[in-house]
């Protein structure tokens, strides 16, 4: 009896563990024959909010007025 149970378990595991057979490669084709798509513009319920644009801001980058003279002074010391 014990051998029968063991042989059934081993046989079952061999059947379940068998490699799956690959399916044949079939080309899938989609056919869209003159399908008419119609619909309405869907908008959310409620009021449309218009937001005011923010004011234009000044640039935080400042151009140094004495850049070239300072560069010449630094070269003179070399």
N, C-alpha and C. Protein backbone atom coordinates (compact mmCIF):
# COMPACT_ATOMS: atom_id res chain seq x y z
N UNK A 1 0.83 -1.18 0.00
CA UNK A 1 0.00 0.00 0.00
C UNK A 1 0.88 1.26 0.00
N UNK A 2 1.90 1.22 0.80
CA UNK A 2 2.79 2.37 0.90
C UNK A 2 3.49 2.61 -0.42
N UNK A 3 3.91 1.55 -1.08
CA UNK A 3 4.57 1.68 -2.39
C UNK A 3 3.61 2.25 -3.43
N UNK A 4 2.38 1.87 -3.35
CA UNK A 4 1.37 2.36 -4.29
C UNK A 4 1.19 3.88 -4.13
N UNK A 5 1.12 4.35 -2.89
CA UNK A 5 0.95 5.78 -2.64
C UNK A 5 2.17 6.55 -3.12
N UNK A 6 3.36 6.00 -2.84
CA UNK A 6 4.59 6.67 -3.27
C UNK A 6 4.66 6.70 -4.79
N UNK A 7 4.32 5.62 -5.45
CA UNK A 7 4.39 5.59 -6.92
C UNK A 7 3.36 6.54 -7.53
N UNK A 8 2.19 6.68 -6.92
CA UNK A 8 1.18 7.62 -7.42
C UNK A 8 1.68 9.05 -7.25
N UNK A 9 2.29 9.36 -6.10
CA UNK A 9 2.81 10.71 -5.88
C UNK A 9 3.95 11.04 -6.84
N UNK A 10 4.86 10.07 -7.06
CA UNK A 10 5.97 10.31 -7.99
C UNK A 10 5.45 10.45 -9.41
N UNK A 11 4.53 9.63 -9.80
CA UNK A 11 3.96 9.72 -11.15
C UNK A 11 3.20 11.01 -11.36
N UNK A 12 2.47 11.45 -10.34
CA UNK A 12 1.74 12.72 -10.44
C UNK A 12 2.68 13.91 -10.54
N UNK A 13 3.76 13.85 -9.77
CA UNK A 13 4.70 14.97 -9.83
C UNK A 13 5.41 15.01 -11.18
N UNK A 14 5.64 13.85 -11.79
CA UNK A 14 6.26 13.84 -13.12
C UNK A 14 5.31 14.40 -14.17
N UNK A 15 4.04 14.11 -14.04
CA UNK A 15 3.07 14.63 -15.00
C UNK A 15 2.88 16.13 -14.85
N UNK A 16 2.86 16.60 -13.60
CA UNK A 16 2.67 18.03 -13.38
C UNK A 16 3.92 18.83 -13.71
N UNK A 17 5.07 18.20 -13.57
CA UNK A 17 6.31 18.90 -13.83
C UNK A 17 6.77 18.79 -15.27
N UNK A 18 6.00 18.16 -16.12
CA UNK A 18 6.38 18.01 -17.52
C UNK A 18 6.42 19.38 -18.19
N UNK A 19 7.36 19.61 -19.08
CA UNK A 19 7.43 20.91 -19.75
C UNK A 19 6.21 21.14 -20.62
N UNK A 20 5.78 22.38 -20.66
CA UNK A 20 4.62 22.74 -21.47
C UNK A 20 5.03 22.79 -22.93
N UNK A 21 4.17 22.34 -23.77
CA UNK A 21 4.44 22.37 -25.20
C UNK A 21 4.14 23.77 -25.73
N UNK A 22 5.03 24.27 -26.56
CA UNK A 22 4.85 25.61 -27.12
C UNK A 22 3.71 25.62 -28.12
N UNK A 23 2.93 26.66 -28.06
CA UNK A 23 1.84 26.79 -29.01
C UNK A 23 2.40 27.32 -30.32
N UNK A 24 1.71 26.99 -31.38
CA UNK A 24 2.14 27.46 -32.69
C UNK A 24 1.95 28.98 -32.76
N UNK A 25 2.90 29.64 -33.40
CA UNK A 25 2.80 31.09 -33.54
C UNK A 25 1.75 31.41 -34.59
N UNK A 26 0.74 32.14 -34.17
CA UNK A 26 -0.30 32.55 -35.09
C UNK A 26 -0.27 34.06 -35.19
N UNK A 27 -0.35 34.56 -36.39
CA UNK A 27 -0.36 36.00 -36.60
C UNK A 27 -1.73 36.54 -36.23
N UNK A 28 -1.76 37.57 -35.41
CA UNK A 28 -3.01 38.19 -35.00
C UNK A 28 -3.27 39.38 -35.90
N UNK A 29 -4.42 39.42 -36.47
CA UNK A 29 -4.77 40.54 -37.33
C UNK A 29 -6.01 41.22 -36.77
N UNK A 30 -6.03 42.54 -36.89
CA UNK A 30 -7.17 43.33 -36.47
C UNK A 30 -7.72 44.04 -37.69
N UNK A 31 -9.01 43.98 -37.86
CA UNK A 31 -9.63 44.58 -39.02
C UNK A 31 -10.59 45.68 -38.57
N UNK A 32 -10.28 46.92 -38.94
CA UNK A 32 -11.12 48.05 -38.62
C UNK A 32 -11.73 48.57 -39.91
N UNK A 33 -12.87 48.09 -40.23
CA UNK A 33 -13.52 48.47 -41.48
C UNK A 33 -14.46 49.64 -41.25
N UNK A 34 -14.03 50.82 -41.66
CA UNK A 34 -14.87 52.01 -41.67
C UNK A 34 -15.75 52.15 -40.44
N UNK A 35 -15.15 52.02 -39.27
CA UNK A 35 -15.90 52.21 -38.04
C UNK A 35 -16.06 53.71 -37.80
N UNK A 36 -17.27 54.15 -37.62
CA UNK A 36 -17.55 55.56 -37.38
C UNK A 36 -17.61 55.79 -35.88
N UNK A 37 -16.79 56.71 -35.44
CA UNK A 37 -16.77 57.05 -34.02
C UNK A 37 -17.36 58.44 -33.88
N UNK A 38 -18.41 58.54 -33.11
CA UNK A 38 -19.04 59.84 -32.91
C UNK A 38 -19.23 60.05 -31.41
N UNK A 39 -19.21 61.31 -31.02
CA UNK A 39 -19.39 61.61 -29.61
C UNK A 39 -19.50 63.09 -29.40
N UNK A 40 -19.81 63.47 -28.18
CA UNK A 40 -19.96 64.87 -27.82
C UNK A 40 -18.79 65.28 -26.94
N UNK A 41 -18.57 66.57 -26.89
CA UNK A 41 -17.54 67.12 -26.03
C UNK A 41 -18.03 67.04 -24.59
N UNK A 42 -17.28 66.38 -23.76
CA UNK A 42 -17.67 66.20 -22.37
C UNK A 42 -16.89 67.19 -21.51
N UNK A 43 -17.60 67.99 -20.76
CA UNK A 43 -16.97 68.97 -19.88
C UNK A 43 -17.39 68.67 -18.45
N UNK A 44 -16.54 69.08 -17.51
CA UNK A 44 -16.92 68.87 -16.11
C UNK A 44 -18.06 69.78 -15.71
N UNK A 45 -18.82 69.33 -14.75
CA UNK A 45 -19.92 70.16 -14.24
C UNK A 45 -19.35 71.28 -13.39
N UNK A 46 -20.01 72.39 -13.39
CA UNK A 46 -19.59 73.50 -12.54
C UNK A 46 -19.07 74.65 -13.37
N UNK A 47 -18.56 75.63 -12.66
CA UNK A 47 -18.10 76.86 -13.28
C UNK A 47 -16.66 76.72 -13.75
N UNK A 48 -16.36 77.41 -14.84
CA UNK A 48 -14.98 77.48 -15.31
C UNK A 48 -14.30 78.62 -14.57
N UNK A 49 -13.13 78.38 -14.02
CA UNK A 49 -12.41 79.41 -13.28
C UNK A 49 -11.28 79.94 -14.14
N UNK A 50 -11.21 81.25 -14.25
CA UNK A 50 -10.11 81.88 -14.95
C UNK A 50 -9.15 82.45 -13.91
N UNK A 51 -7.90 82.08 -14.01
CA UNK A 51 -6.91 82.52 -13.04
C UNK A 51 -6.09 83.63 -13.66
N UNK A 52 -5.90 84.70 -12.90
CA UNK A 52 -5.12 85.82 -13.37
C UNK A 52 -3.65 85.46 -13.42
N UNK A 53 -2.96 85.90 -14.43
CA UNK A 53 -1.52 85.63 -14.53
C UNK A 53 -0.77 86.46 -13.51
N UNK A 54 0.31 85.91 -13.02
CA UNK A 54 1.14 86.64 -12.07
C UNK A 54 1.91 87.73 -12.79
N UNK A 55 2.27 88.74 -12.05
CA UNK A 55 3.01 89.86 -12.62
C UNK A 55 4.42 89.44 -13.01
N UNK A 56 4.99 90.19 -13.92
CA UNK A 56 6.34 89.89 -14.37
C UNK A 56 7.32 90.32 -13.29
N UNK A 57 8.28 89.48 -13.03
CA UNK A 57 9.23 89.76 -11.96
C UNK A 57 10.58 90.14 -12.53
N UNK A 58 11.32 90.89 -11.76
CA UNK A 58 12.66 91.29 -12.17
C UNK A 58 13.61 90.10 -12.03
N UNK A 59 14.62 90.11 -12.85
CA UNK A 59 15.62 89.05 -12.80
C UNK A 59 16.47 89.20 -11.55
N UNK A 60 16.82 88.09 -10.95
CA UNK A 60 17.67 88.11 -9.76
C UNK A 60 19.15 88.12 -10.13
N UNK A 61 19.46 88.00 -11.40
CA UNK A 61 20.84 88.01 -11.85
C UNK A 61 21.26 89.45 -12.07
N UNK A 62 22.30 89.86 -11.39
CA UNK A 62 22.81 91.23 -11.53
C UNK A 62 24.15 91.20 -12.24
N UNK A 63 24.29 92.03 -13.25
CA UNK A 63 25.53 92.11 -14.01
C UNK A 63 26.50 93.02 -13.25
N UNK A 64 27.69 92.53 -13.02
CA UNK A 64 28.70 93.32 -12.31
C UNK A 64 29.26 94.39 -13.25
N UNK A 65 29.18 95.62 -12.82
CA UNK A 65 29.59 96.74 -13.67
C UNK A 65 31.10 96.83 -13.81
N UNK A 66 31.84 96.44 -12.79
CA UNK A 66 33.29 96.61 -12.80
C UNK A 66 34.00 95.27 -13.02
N UNK A 67 33.41 94.40 -13.78
CA UNK A 67 33.96 93.06 -13.95
C UNK A 67 35.31 93.09 -14.69
N UNK A 68 35.35 93.78 -15.82
CA UNK A 68 36.58 93.79 -16.64
C UNK A 68 37.74 94.47 -15.89
N UNK A 69 37.54 95.61 -15.27
CA UNK A 69 38.66 96.19 -14.51
C UNK A 69 39.14 95.28 -13.36
N UNK A 70 38.23 94.60 -12.72
CA UNK A 70 38.63 93.69 -11.64
C UNK A 70 39.43 92.51 -12.19
N UNK A 71 39.04 92.03 -13.36
CA UNK A 71 39.79 90.93 -13.98
C UNK A 71 41.21 91.39 -14.35
N UNK A 72 41.34 92.61 -14.87
CA UNK A 72 42.66 93.13 -15.23
C UNK A 72 43.56 93.29 -13.99
N UNK A 73 42.97 93.73 -12.87
CA UNK A 73 43.73 93.87 -11.63
C UNK A 73 44.22 92.50 -11.15
N UNK A 74 43.39 91.48 -11.28
CA UNK A 74 43.81 90.16 -10.81
C UNK A 74 44.93 89.59 -11.67
N UNK A 75 45.00 89.95 -12.95
CA UNK A 75 46.05 89.47 -13.84
C UNK A 75 47.36 90.21 -13.58
N UNK A 76 47.29 91.46 -13.19
CA UNK A 76 48.49 92.24 -12.93
C UNK A 76 49.32 91.67 -11.79
N UNK A 77 48.65 91.05 -10.82
CA UNK A 77 49.34 90.52 -9.67
C UNK A 77 50.10 89.23 -9.99
N UNK A 78 49.83 88.61 -11.09
CA UNK A 78 50.53 87.37 -11.45
C UNK A 78 51.88 87.72 -11.95
